[in-house]
Amino acid sequence: MNGKQKIKDIALQQNEKLTMPFTEDIENTLIPRVSRRCQGIELNSGNELIIIASTTGGLKSTFISNLMLNYKLINPDGYIFLLTYELPNHVYQYRAYRALLSQLKPTDPLETFKQVFTNTFFIRRVPANIMLEKMKQLRDCLPPDKADSEIIFIIDPLQPVFETALHHSSVRDIRVAANELLHQIKEISQREGITTIAISETNRGVALKLHSRQQQKPFQDMRDEIKFGLQSSLRETGCLEFRATQLYFLTWWDNGELKTAPPRPAPEEVEGILLNLKNTEGPEKDWNITWYPDEYLIKVKGEIKWT
C-alpha cells in the first residue's frame, strides 16, 4: 500500500468523525474557525514563489501549519522543508498536530501524525548564508524524478533581516536587504517541482516602525494599515522584482471593544485600496478578497500574471 492510499484510508476510516467529508481539494479540507479561515493557498505547479504577509501576529504560523497538514493529505509522498527564524519547531508541529486532531479525529493521533508528516523537515535559527547552503544541499539530495508540486520550501527568514535593517537610515536599505535574500532563495528554488513559500515579516510592530519613520505618525485608520501592509508586501519583499506568482495578505483587528482599536473599513473601502494598487506600475494582478466580518479577518489573494 502506497503512502497516499494509506493516508486516504485513515481518513475514510474516520469518516463518521470528520468535521467535513474527506476530499483531495485543499480548499475543502480545511479545519474550522480561524485556522480554517487562514488556509487556502492554491499550489498551481512547481517553480512558484508565493509571498505570505500579515500585519497581525499569529496568522502566518497558523496559516503555514494548516497548509502543511493539507498538503500532506493530498501529497503524502511529498517533501516539506520548513526553515524558520521566528518560532521554535515544536510550535509548528504542535499546531499541525492540533489541526490533525480537529480535522481527522484519529483513534491513534501520534501514529497518524507520524504517518502524515513523513518527509517533513524542520530547520531553525541558522544564519542566512548557512540557510541558503542548506537549501542547496537539500535540493541536491532530493530524487530528480519528483513530480510538480511534490517539493515545498517554506521559508520564514525575513524577521532578522528586517530587525537588522531597521537600524539603517532608510526604508530603501530594508528593501535591498530583504530583496537580496529573496533573490538568492529564488535562484536556489528554480528547479522543476519546487514551490517556495516565503513569509513576509510585515507584522504590526515592524509595520508601525516603518510607517512611523515614513509618516512620523502611527496608523490612525485601519484602511491606512491595510494599504501600507499591501504596498510593503508588494514592494519591500521582492514580490514584484522577483516575479512572485501569488501574494496572500492576512489581517484582522479588535472587535471594537478596545478604545485604541482603529475603525475597521467597510468591504468596499478595502476593494478601493486594491483597485488603487491595481493601477500601480507592474504586472496585471487579479485580487480576490475574502471578507469575514464576524471573525474580523480579511484574506486577500493576489494572482500575479506575468506577460
C-alpha atoms as a PDB file:
ATOM      1  CA  MET A   1       0.000   0.000   0.000  1.00  0.00           C
ATOM      2  CA  ASN A   2       1.485   3.341  -1.006  1.00  0.00           C
ATOM      3  CA  GLY A   3       1.614   6.371   1.251  1.00  0.00           C
ATOM      4  CA  LYS A   4      -1.217   8.233  -0.447  1.00  0.00           C
ATOM      5  CA  GLN A   5      -3.621   5.292  -0.199  1.00  0.00           C
ATOM      6  CA  LYS A   6      -2.649   4.751   3.442  1.00  0.00           C
ATOM      7  CA  ILE A   7      -3.465   8.338   4.386  1.00  0.00           C
ATOM      8  CA  LYS A   8      -6.711   8.236   2.434  1.00  0.00           C
ATOM      9  CA  ASP A   9      -7.716   5.005   4.160  1.00  0.00           C
ATOM     10  CA  ILE A  10      -7.023   6.555   7.556  1.00  0.00           C
ATOM     11  CA  ALA A  11      -9.273   9.474   6.683  1.00  0.00           C
ATOM     12  CA  LEU A  12     -12.041   7.293   5.270  1.00  0.00           C
ATOM     13  CA  GLN A  13     -11.972   5.036   8.330  1.00  0.00           C
ATOM     14  CA  GLN A  14     -12.630   8.110  10.427  1.00  0.00           C
ATOM     15  CA  ASN A  15     -15.240   9.445   8.022  1.00  0.00           C
ATOM     16  CA  GLU A  16     -18.017   9.428  10.613  1.00  0.00           C
ATOM     17  CA  LYS A  17     -15.912  11.569  12.922  1.00  0.00           C
ATOM     18  CA  LEU A  18     -14.694  14.055  10.343  1.00  0.00           C
ATOM     19  CA  THR A  19     -15.759  17.660  10.707  1.00  0.00           C
ATOM     20  CA  MET A  20     -16.416  17.608   6.956  1.00  0.00           C
ATOM     21  CA  PRO A  21     -16.167  14.934   4.234  1.00  0.00           C
ATOM     22  CA  PHE A  22     -12.663  13.978   3.177  1.00  0.00           C
ATOM     23  CA  THR A  23     -11.670  15.381  -0.190  1.00  0.00           C
ATOM     24  CA  GLU A  24      -8.474  15.882  -2.129  1.00  0.00           C
ATOM     25  CA  ASP A  25      -9.262  19.534  -2.747  1.00  0.00           C
ATOM     26  CA  ILE A  26      -7.229  21.781  -0.443  1.00  0.00           C
ATOM     27  CA  GLU A  27      -9.982  24.348  -0.084  1.00  0.00           C
ATOM     28  CA  ASN A  28     -12.425  21.694   1.129  1.00  0.00           C
ATOM     29  CA  THR A  29     -10.176  20.004   3.685  1.00  0.00           C
ATOM     30  CA  LEU A  30      -9.837  22.965   5.984  1.00  0.00           C
ATOM     31  CA  ILE A  31     -10.248  22.865   9.731  1.00  0.00           C
ATOM     32  CA  PRO A  32     -12.867  25.058  11.407  1.00  0.00           C
ATOM     33  CA  ARG A  33     -12.849  28.638  12.670  1.00  0.00           C
ATOM     34  CA  VAL A  34      -9.840  30.933  12.399  1.00  0.00           C
ATOM     35  CA  SER A  35      -7.428  28.198  11.347  1.00  0.00           C
ATOM     36  CA  ARG A  36      -9.786  27.349   8.535  1.00  0.00           C
ATOM     37  CA  ARG A  37     -10.036  30.989   7.540  1.00  0.00           C
ATOM     38  CA  CYS A  38      -6.258  31.259   7.315  1.00  0.00           C
ATOM     39  CA  GLN A  39      -5.940  28.313   4.945  1.00  0.00           C
ATOM     40  CA  GLY A  40      -6.484  28.328   1.218  1.00  0.00           C
ATOM     41  CA  ILE A  41      -3.201  28.520  -0.675  1.00  0.00           C
ATOM     42  CA  GLU A  42      -3.521  27.082  -4.155  1.00  0.00           C
ATOM     43  CA  LEU A  43      -0.407  25.308  -5.377  1.00  0.00           C
ATOM     44  CA  ASN A  44      -0.658  25.519  -9.135  1.00  0.00           C
ATOM     45  CA  SER A  45       2.606  23.878 -10.133  1.00  0.00           C
ATOM     46  CA  GLY A  46       6.273  23.810  -9.317  1.00  0.00           C
ATOM     47  CA  ASN A  47       8.632  26.764  -9.674  1.00  0.00           C
ATOM     48  CA  GLU A  48       6.359  29.189  -7.860  1.00  0.00           C
ATOM     49  CA  LEU A  49       7.343  31.922  -5.441  1.00  0.00           C
ATOM     50  CA  ILE A  50       4.457  32.622  -3.076  1.00  0.00           C
ATOM     51  CA  ILE A  51       4.567  35.522  -0.625  1.00  0.00           C
ATOM     52  CA  ILE A  52       2.500  35.456   2.582  1.00  0.00           C
ATOM     53  CA  ALA A  53       2.185  38.703   4.517  1.00  0.00           C
ATOM     54  CA  SER A  54       0.280  39.876   7.572  1.00  0.00           C
ATOM     55  CA  THR A  55       0.204  42.843   9.902  1.00  0.00           C
ATOM     56  CA  THR A  56      -1.100  40.672  12.739  1.00  0.00           C
ATOM     57  CA  GLY A  57       0.904  38.203  14.796  1.00  0.00           C
ATOM     58  CA  GLY A  58      -0.046  34.532  14.784  1.00  0.00           C
ATOM     59  CA  LEU A  59      -1.868  34.370  11.477  1.00  0.00           C
ATOM     60  CA  LYS A  60       1.101  33.342   9.341  1.00  0.00           C
ATOM     61  CA  SER A  61       2.212  30.459  11.562  1.00  0.00           C
ATOM     62  CA  THR A  62      -1.363  29.165  11.819  1.00  0.00           C
ATOM     63  CA  PHE A  63      -1.715  29.505   8.062  1.00  0.00           C
ATOM     64  CA  ILE A  64       1.504  27.561   7.476  1.00  0.00           C
ATOM     65  CA  SER A  65       0.723  24.793   9.988  1.00  0.00           C
ATOM     66  CA  ASN A  66      -2.590  24.070   8.305  1.00  0.00           C
ATOM     67  CA  LEU A  67      -1.034  24.323   4.870  1.00  0.00           C
ATOM     68  CA  MET A  68       1.471  21.622   5.826  1.00  0.00           C
ATOM     69  CA  LEU A  69      -1.285  19.286   7.031  1.00  0.00           C
ATOM     70  CA  ASN A  70      -3.500  19.728   3.994  1.00  0.00           C
ATOM     71  CA  TYR A  71      -0.579  19.488   1.592  1.00  0.00           C
ATOM     72  CA  LYS A  72       0.461  16.159   3.143  1.00  0.00           C
ATOM     73  CA  LEU A  73      -3.094  14.838   2.987  1.00  0.00           C
ATOM     74  CA  ILE A  74      -3.175  15.241  -0.787  1.00  0.00           C
ATOM     75  CA  ASN A  75       0.564  14.636  -1.376  1.00  0.00           C
ATOM     76  CA  PRO A  76       1.562  12.018   1.231  1.00  0.00           C
ATOM     77  CA  ASP A  77       4.871  11.315  -0.517  1.00  0.00           C
ATOM     78  CA  GLY A  78       5.720  14.990  -0.981  1.00  0.00           C
ATOM     79  CA  TYR A  79       8.595  16.758   0.760  1.00  0.00           C
ATOM     80  CA  ILE A  80       8.245  19.780   3.055  1.00  0.00           C
ATOM     81  CA  PHE A  81      11.243  21.794   4.256  1.00  0.00           C
ATOM     82  CA  LEU A  82      10.373  24.430   6.849  1.00  0.00           C
ATOM     83  CA  LEU A  83      13.183  26.888   7.545  1.00  0.00           C
ATOM     84  CA  THR A  84      12.291  29.362  10.268  1.00  0.00           C
ATOM     85  CA  TYR A  85      13.830  32.020  12.450  1.00  0.00           C
ATOM     86  CA  GLU A  86      10.692  33.138  14.207  1.00  0.00           C
ATOM     87  CA  LEU A  87       9.161  30.216  16.100  1.00  0.00           C
ATOM     88  CA  PRO A  88      10.550  27.018  17.631  1.00  0.00           C
ATOM     89  CA  ASN A  89       9.951  23.922  15.543  1.00  0.00           C
ATOM     90  CA  HIS A  90       7.639  22.412  18.136  1.00  0.00           C
ATOM     91  CA  VAL A  91       5.204  25.326  17.743  1.00  0.00           C
ATOM     92  CA  TYR A  92       4.594  24.472  14.085  1.00  0.00           C
ATOM     93  CA  GLN A  93       4.491  20.779  14.938  1.00  0.00           C
ATOM     94  CA  TYR A  94       2.024  21.335  17.772  1.00  0.00           C
ATOM     95  CA  ARG A  95      -0.283  23.491  15.665  1.00  0.00           C
ATOM     96  CA  ALA A  96      -0.179  20.982  12.822  1.00  0.00           C
ATOM     97  CA  TYR A  97      -0.930  18.237  15.362  1.00  0.00           C
ATOM     98  CA  ARG A  98      -3.929  20.171  16.711  1.00  0.00           C
ATOM     99  CA  ALA A  99      -5.145  20.694  13.152  1.00  0.00           C
ATOM    100  CA  LEU A 100      -4.853  16.960  12.527  1.00  0.00           C
ATOM    101  CA  LEU A 101      -6.835  16.183  15.698  1.00  0.00           C
ATOM    102  CA  SER A 102      -9.550  18.635  14.726  1.00  0.00           C
ATOM    103  CA  GLN A 103      -9.814  17.508  11.128  1.00  0.00           C
ATOM    104  CA  LEU A 104      -9.349  13.734  11.238  1.00  0.00           C
ATOM    105  CA  LYS A 105     -10.037  12.874  14.897  1.00  0.00           C
ATOM    106  CA  PRO A 106      -7.865   9.722  14.598  1.00  0.00           C
ATOM    107  CA  THR A 107      -8.061   6.904  17.134  1.00  0.00           C
ATOM    108  CA  ASP A 108      -4.245   6.837  17.353  1.00  0.00           C
ATOM    109  CA  PRO A 109      -3.222  10.502  16.993  1.00  0.00           C
ATOM    110  CA  LEU A 110       0.543  10.126  17.401  1.00  0.00           C
ATOM    111  CA  GLU A 111       0.827   7.258  14.943  1.00  0.00           C
ATOM    112  CA  THR A 112      -1.370   9.081  12.446  1.00  0.00           C
ATOM    113  CA  PHE A 113       0.748  12.216  12.872  1.00  0.00           C
ATOM    114  CA  LYS A 114       3.914  10.220  12.152  1.00  0.00           C
ATOM    115  CA  GLN A 115       2.342   8.674   9.053  1.00  0.00           C
ATOM    116  CA  VAL A 116       1.083  12.006   7.738  1.00  0.00           C
ATOM    117  CA  PHE A 117       4.255  14.013   8.329  1.00  0.00           C
ATOM    118  CA  THR A 118       6.797  11.789   6.657  1.00  0.00           C
ATOM    119  CA  ASN A 119       9.460  13.611   4.633  1.00  0.00           C
ATOM    120  CA  THR A 120       8.835  16.774   6.675  1.00  0.00           C
ATOM    121  CA  PHE A 121      11.937  18.561   7.923  1.00  0.00           C
ATOM    122  CA  PHE A 122      12.283  21.474  10.349  1.00  0.00           C
ATOM    123  CA  ILE A 123      15.389  23.680  10.332  1.00  0.00           C
ATOM    124  CA  ARG A 124      15.562  26.612  12.727  1.00  0.00           C
ATOM    125  CA  ARG A 125      17.670  29.651  13.516  1.00  0.00           C
ATOM    126  CA  VAL A 126      20.589  29.380  11.170  1.00  0.00           C
ATOM    127  CA  PRO A 127      22.302  32.405   9.575  1.00  0.00           C
ATOM    128  CA  ALA A 128      21.047  33.351   6.134  1.00  0.00           C
ATOM    129  CA  ASN A 129      24.189  32.145   4.343  1.00  0.00           C
ATOM    130  CA  ILE A 130      24.043  28.766   6.120  1.00  0.00           C
ATOM    131  CA  MET A 131      20.314  28.517   5.427  1.00  0.00           C
ATOM    132  CA  LEU A 132      20.906  29.065   1.724  1.00  0.00           C
ATOM    133  CA  GLU A 133      23.680  26.481   1.674  1.00  0.00           C
ATOM    134  CA  LYS A 134      21.392  24.033   3.492  1.00  0.00           C
ATOM    135  CA  MET A 135      18.728  24.602   0.849  1.00  0.00           C
ATOM    136  CA  LYS A 136      21.232  23.755  -1.878  1.00  0.00           C
ATOM    137  CA  GLN A 137      22.251  20.567  -0.070  1.00  0.00           C
ATOM    138  CA  LEU A 138      18.646  19.506   0.494  1.00  0.00           C
ATOM    139  CA  ARG A 139      17.731  20.208  -3.112  1.00  0.00           C
ATOM    140  CA  ASP A 140      20.683  18.207  -4.420  1.00  0.00           C
ATOM    141  CA  CYS A 141      19.746  15.238  -2.216  1.00  0.00           C
ATOM    142  CA  LEU A 142      16.184  15.004  -3.499  1.00  0.00           C
ATOM    143  CA  PRO A 143      15.192  12.440  -6.119  1.00  0.00           C
ATOM    144  CA  PRO A 144      15.421  14.014  -9.590  1.00  0.00           C
ATOM    145  CA  ASP A 145      12.141  12.468 -10.756  1.00  0.00           C
ATOM    146  CA  LYS A 146       9.822  14.212  -8.293  1.00  0.00           C
ATOM    147  CA  ALA A 147       6.637  15.435  -9.964  1.00  0.00           C
ATOM    148  CA  ASP A 148       5.404  19.026  -9.939  1.00  0.00           C
ATOM    149  CA  SER A 149       4.374  20.400  -6.553  1.00  0.00           C
ATOM    150  CA  GLU A 150       5.842  17.451  -4.646  1.00  0.00           C
ATOM    151  CA  ILE A 151       8.525  19.593  -3.021  1.00  0.00           C
ATOM    152  CA  ILE A 152       7.826  22.717  -0.970  1.00  0.00           C
ATOM    153  CA  PHE A 153      10.272  25.041   0.771  1.00  0.00           C
ATOM    154  CA  ILE A 154       8.508  27.096   3.433  1.00  0.00           C
ATOM    155  CA  ILE A 155      10.842  29.884   4.485  1.00  0.00           C
ATOM    156  CA  ASP A 156      10.294  32.256   7.387  1.00  0.00           C
ATOM    157  CA  PRO A 157      13.580  34.184   7.237  1.00  0.00           C
ATOM    158  CA  LEU A 158      12.843  37.862   6.873  1.00  0.00           C
ATOM    159  CA  GLN A 159      12.397  38.858  10.518  1.00  0.00           C
ATOM    160  CA  PRO A 160      16.105  39.057  11.393  1.00  0.00           C
ATOM    161  CA  VAL A 161      16.754  40.794   8.085  1.00  0.00           C
ATOM    162  CA  PHE A 162      14.169  43.429   8.922  1.00  0.00           C
ATOM    163  CA  GLU A 163      15.338  43.752  12.525  1.00  0.00           C
ATOM    164  CA  THR A 164      18.897  44.357  11.365  1.00  0.00           C
ATOM    165  CA  ALA A 165      17.820  46.673   8.585  1.00  0.00           C
ATOM    166  CA  LEU A 166      15.707  48.782  10.938  1.00  0.00           C
ATOM    167  CA  HIS A 167      18.987  50.157  12.264  1.00  0.00           C
ATOM    168  CA  HIS A 168      19.665  51.593   8.822  1.00  0.00           C
ATOM    169  CA  SER A 169      18.654  55.091   7.906  1.00  0.00           C
ATOM    170  CA  SER A 170      16.190  54.414   5.136  1.00  0.00           C
ATOM    171  CA  VAL A 171      13.391  52.104   4.103  1.00  0.00           C
ATOM    172  CA  ARG A 172      15.308  51.512   0.876  1.00  0.00           C
ATOM    173  CA  ASP A 173      18.087  49.781   2.854  1.00  0.00           C
ATOM    174  CA  ILE A 174      15.495  47.455   4.370  1.00  0.00           C
ATOM    175  CA  ARG A 175      14.057  46.626   0.952  1.00  0.00           C
ATOM    176  CA  VAL A 176      17.502  45.983  -0.503  1.00  0.00           C
ATOM    177  CA  ALA A 177      18.435  43.628   2.362  1.00  0.00           C
ATOM    178  CA  ALA A 178      15.193  41.669   2.094  1.00  0.00           C
ATOM    179  CA  ASN A 179      15.298  41.531  -1.697  1.00  0.00           C
ATOM    180  CA  GLU A 180      18.871  40.254  -1.720  1.00  0.00           C
ATOM    181  CA  LEU A 181      17.866  37.317   0.453  1.00  0.00           C
ATOM    182  CA  LEU A 182      14.742  36.578  -1.586  1.00  0.00           C
ATOM    183  CA  HIS A 183      16.746  36.763  -4.800  1.00  0.00           C
ATOM    184  CA  GLN A 184      19.131  34.071  -3.546  1.00  0.00           C
ATOM    185  CA  ILE A 185      16.229  31.952  -2.320  1.00  0.00           C
ATOM    186  CA  LYS A 186      14.510  32.104  -5.683  1.00  0.00           C
ATOM    187  CA  GLU A 187      17.693  31.224  -7.551  1.00  0.00           C
ATOM    188  CA  ILE A 188      18.079  28.097  -5.428  1.00  0.00           C
ATOM    189  CA  SER A 189      14.461  27.042  -5.828  1.00  0.00           C
ATOM    190  CA  GLN A 190      14.500  27.226  -9.631  1.00  0.00           C
ATOM    191  CA  ARG A 191      14.094  23.540 -10.214  1.00  0.00           C
ATOM    192  CA  GLU A 192      11.206  21.562 -11.647  1.00  0.00           C
ATOM    193  CA  GLY A 193       8.746  20.584  -8.955  1.00  0.00           C
ATOM    194  CA  ILE A 194       9.837  23.015  -6.239  1.00  0.00           C
ATOM    195  CA  THR A 195       7.500  25.638  -4.825  1.00  0.00           C
ATOM    196  CA  THR A 196       8.953  28.268  -2.490  1.00  0.00           C
ATOM    197  CA  ILE A 197       6.678  29.918   0.057  1.00  0.00           C
ATOM    198  CA  ALA A 198       8.369  32.934   1.651  1.00  0.00           C
ATOM    199  CA  ILE A 199       6.890  34.541   4.742  1.00  0.00           C
ATOM    200  CA  SER A 200       6.946  38.323   4.610  1.00  0.00           C
ATOM    201  CA  GLU A 201       7.575  39.567   8.129  1.00  0.00           C
ATOM    202  CA  THR A 202       5.385  42.659   7.888  1.00  0.00           C
ATOM    203  CA  ASN A 203       3.875  42.227  11.331  1.00  0.00           C
ATOM    204  CA  ARG A 204       2.267  45.123  13.111  1.00  0.00           C
ATOM    205  CA  GLY A 205       5.332  46.082  15.134  1.00  0.00           C
ATOM    206  CA  VAL A 206       7.632  46.245  12.120  1.00  0.00           C
ATOM    207  CA  ALA A 207       4.954  47.917  10.006  1.00  0.00           C
ATOM    208  CA  LEU A 208       4.395  50.568  12.664  1.00  0.00           C
ATOM    209  CA  LYS A 209       8.119  51.308  12.858  1.00  0.00           C
ATOM    210  CA  LEU A 210       8.400  51.594   9.100  1.00  0.00           C
ATOM    211  CA  HIS A 211       5.240  53.661   8.821  1.00  0.00           C
ATOM    212  CA  SER A 212       6.257  55.984  11.655  1.00  0.00           C
ATOM    213  CA  ARG A 213       9.635  56.512  10.023  1.00  0.00           C
ATOM    214  CA  GLN A 214       7.966  57.426   6.747  1.00  0.00           C
ATOM    215  CA  GLN A 215       4.980  59.387   8.027  1.00  0.00           C
ATOM    216  CA  GLN A 216       6.162  60.393  11.518  1.00  0.00           C
ATOM    217  CA  LYS A 217       2.850  59.207  12.981  1.00  0.00           C
ATOM    218  CA  PRO A 218       1.134  55.910  13.860  1.00  0.00           C
ATOM    219  CA  PHE A 219      -1.731  54.421  11.890  1.00  0.00           C
ATOM    220  CA  GLN A 220      -4.907  56.387  12.515  1.00  0.00           C
ATOM    221  CA  ASP A 221      -7.188  54.197  10.458  1.00  0.00           C
ATOM    222  CA  MET A 222      -7.383  50.514   9.586  1.00  0.00           C
ATOM    223  CA  ARG A 223      -7.511  51.482   5.921  1.00  0.00           C
ATOM    224  CA  ASP A 224      -4.072  53.039   6.234  1.00  0.00           C
ATOM    225  CA  GLU A 225      -2.697  49.898   7.849  1.00  0.00           C
ATOM    226  CA  ILE A 226      -4.153  47.606   5.193  1.00  0.00           C
ATOM    227  CA  LYS A 227      -2.901  49.839   2.404  1.00  0.00           C
ATOM    228  CA  PHE A 228       0.564  50.042   3.921  1.00  0.00           C
ATOM    229  CA  GLY A 229       0.676  46.286   4.528  1.00  0.00           C
ATOM    230  CA  LEU A 230      -0.293  45.501   0.945  1.00  0.00           C
ATOM    231  CA  GLN A 231       2.113  48.026  -0.516  1.00  0.00           C
ATOM    232  CA  SER A 232       5.006  46.837   1.631  1.00  0.00           C
ATOM    233  CA  SER A 233       4.158  43.235   0.741  1.00  0.00           C
ATOM    234  CA  LEU A 234       4.413  44.081  -2.935  1.00  0.00           C
ATOM    235  CA  ARG A 235       7.454  46.330  -2.759  1.00  0.00           C
ATOM    236  CA  GLU A 236       9.568  45.588   0.281  1.00  0.00           C
ATOM    237  CA  THR A 237       9.556  41.779  -0.073  1.00  0.00           C
ATOM    238  CA  GLY A 238      10.648  41.492  -3.687  1.00  0.00           C
ATOM    239  CA  CYS A 239       7.209  40.316  -4.769  1.00  0.00           C
ATOM    240  CA  LEU A 240       7.401  42.383  -7.954  1.00  0.00           C
ATOM    241  CA  GLU A 241      11.140  42.373  -8.550  1.00  0.00           C
ATOM    242  CA  PHE A 242      11.444  38.602  -8.418  1.00  0.00           C
ATOM    243  CA  ARG A 243       8.187  37.724 -10.116  1.00  0.00           C
ATOM    244  CA  ALA A 244       6.267  36.126  -7.314  1.00  0.00           C
ATOM    245  CA  THR A 245       3.316  34.208  -8.698  1.00  0.00           C
ATOM    246  CA  GLN A 246       0.981  34.662  -5.744  1.00  0.00           C
ATOM    247  CA  LEU A 247       0.586  37.037  -2.806  1.00  0.00           C
ATOM    248  CA  TYR A 248      -1.552  36.423   0.273  1.00  0.00           C
ATOM    249  CA  PHE A 249      -2.211  39.222   2.729  1.00  0.00           C
ATOM    250  CA  LEU A 250      -3.936  38.471   6.053  1.00  0.00           C
ATOM    251  CA  THR A 251      -5.063  40.869   8.724  1.00  0.00           C
ATOM    252  CA  TRP A 252      -7.640  41.225  11.448  1.00  0.00           C
ATOM    253  CA  TRP A 253      -8.409  43.748  14.125  1.00  0.00           C
ATOM    254  CA  ASP A 254     -10.012  44.190  17.522  1.00  0.00           C
ATOM    255  CA  ASN A 255     -13.764  43.849  17.823  1.00  0.00           C
ATOM    256  CA  GLY A 256     -14.225  47.490  18.715  1.00  0.00           C
ATOM    257  CA  GLU A 257     -14.350  46.979  22.478  1.00  0.00           C
ATOM    258  CA  LEU A 258     -10.895  48.495  22.846  1.00  0.00           C
ATOM    259  CA  LYS A 259     -10.894  52.254  22.506  1.00  0.00           C
ATOM    260  CA  THR A 260      -7.479  52.091  20.894  1.00  0.00           C
ATOM    261  CA  ALA A 261      -8.699  49.833  18.090  1.00  0.00           C
ATOM    262  CA  PRO A 262      -8.670  51.628  14.727  1.00  0.00           C
ATOM    263  CA  PRO A 263     -12.044  51.869  12.987  1.00  0.00           C
ATOM    264  CA  ARG A 264     -12.490  48.955  10.644  1.00  0.00           C
ATOM    265  CA  PRO A 265     -13.152  49.740   6.995  1.00  0.00           C
ATOM    266  CA  ALA A 266     -16.134  48.584   5.016  1.00  0.00           C
ATOM    267  CA  PRO A 267     -15.533  45.943   2.318  1.00  0.00           C
ATOM    268  CA  GLU A 268     -15.927  48.492  -0.468  1.00  0.00           C
ATOM    269  CA  GLU A 269     -13.212  50.638   1.100  1.00  0.00           C
ATOM    270  CA  VAL A 270     -10.758  47.737   1.052  1.00  0.00           C
ATOM    271  CA  GLU A 271     -11.764  46.967  -2.520  1.00  0.00           C
ATOM    272  CA  GLY A 272     -10.972  50.595  -3.341  1.00  0.00           C
ATOM    273  CA  ILE A 273      -7.496  50.150  -1.877  1.00  0.00           C
ATOM    274  CA  LEU A 274      -6.984  47.096  -4.068  1.00  0.00           C
ATOM    275  CA  LEU A 275      -8.163  48.971  -7.155  1.00  0.00           C
ATOM    276  CA  ASN A 276      -5.667  51.735  -6.436  1.00  0.00           C
ATOM    277  CA  LEU A 277      -2.887  49.177  -6.096  1.00  0.00           C
ATOM    278  CA  LYS A 278      -4.021  47.571  -9.326  1.00  0.00           C
ATOM    279  CA  ASN A 279      -3.356  50.831 -11.133  1.00  0.00           C
ATOM    280  CA  THR A 280       0.253  50.996  -9.977  1.00  0.00           C
ATOM    281  CA  GLU A 281       3.082  50.063 -12.292  1.00  0.00           C
ATOM    282  CA  GLY A 282       3.835  46.377 -12.534  1.00  0.00           C
ATOM    283  CA  PRO A 283       2.199  43.181 -13.743  1.00  0.00           C
ATOM    284  CA  GLU A 284      -1.506  42.564 -14.034  1.00  0.00           C
ATOM    285  CA  LYS A 285      -2.874  41.494 -10.659  1.00  0.00           C
ATOM    286  CA  ASP A 286      -6.212  39.749 -10.043  1.00  0.00           C
ATOM    287  CA  TRP A 287      -7.205  40.455  -6.442  1.00  0.00           C
ATOM    288  CA  ASN A 288      -9.580  38.087  -4.687  1.00  0.00           C
ATOM    289  CA  ILE A 289     -10.696  39.473  -1.349  1.00  0.00           C
ATOM    290  CA  THR A 290     -12.372  37.207   1.197  1.00  0.00           C
ATOM    291  CA  TRP A 291     -14.172  39.135   3.921  1.00  0.00           C
ATOM    292  CA  TYR A 292     -15.088  37.590   7.273  1.00  0.00           C
ATOM    293  CA  PRO A 293     -16.789  40.364   9.292  1.00  0.00           C
ATOM    294  CA  ASP A 294     -17.805  38.033  12.123  1.00  0.00           C
ATOM    295  CA  GLU A 295     -14.202  36.911  12.532  1.00  0.00           C
ATOM    296  CA  TYR A 296     -12.782  40.407  11.967  1.00  0.00           C
ATOM    297  CA  LEU A 297     -10.492  38.909   9.353  1.00  0.00           C
ATOM    298  CA  ILE A 298      -9.566  39.863   5.807  1.00  0.00           C
ATOM    299  CA  LYS A 299      -7.802  37.462   3.445  1.00  0.00           C
ATOM    300  CA  VAL A 300      -6.615  38.994   0.202  1.00  0.00           C
ATOM    301  CA  LYS A 301      -5.223  36.804  -2.555  1.00  0.00           C
ATOM    302  CA  GLY A 302      -3.321  38.309  -5.444  1.00  0.00           C
ATOM    303  CA  GLU A 303      -2.756  36.163  -8.514  1.00  0.00           C
ATOM    304  CA  ILE A 304       0.100  37.920 -10.283  1.00  0.00           C
ATOM    305  CA  LYS A 305       0.185  37.353 -14.035  1.00  0.00           C
ATOM    306  CA  TRP A 306       3.433  37.952 -15.890  1.00  0.00           C
ATOM    307  CA  THR A 307       3.405  38.592 -19.632  1.00  0.00           C
END
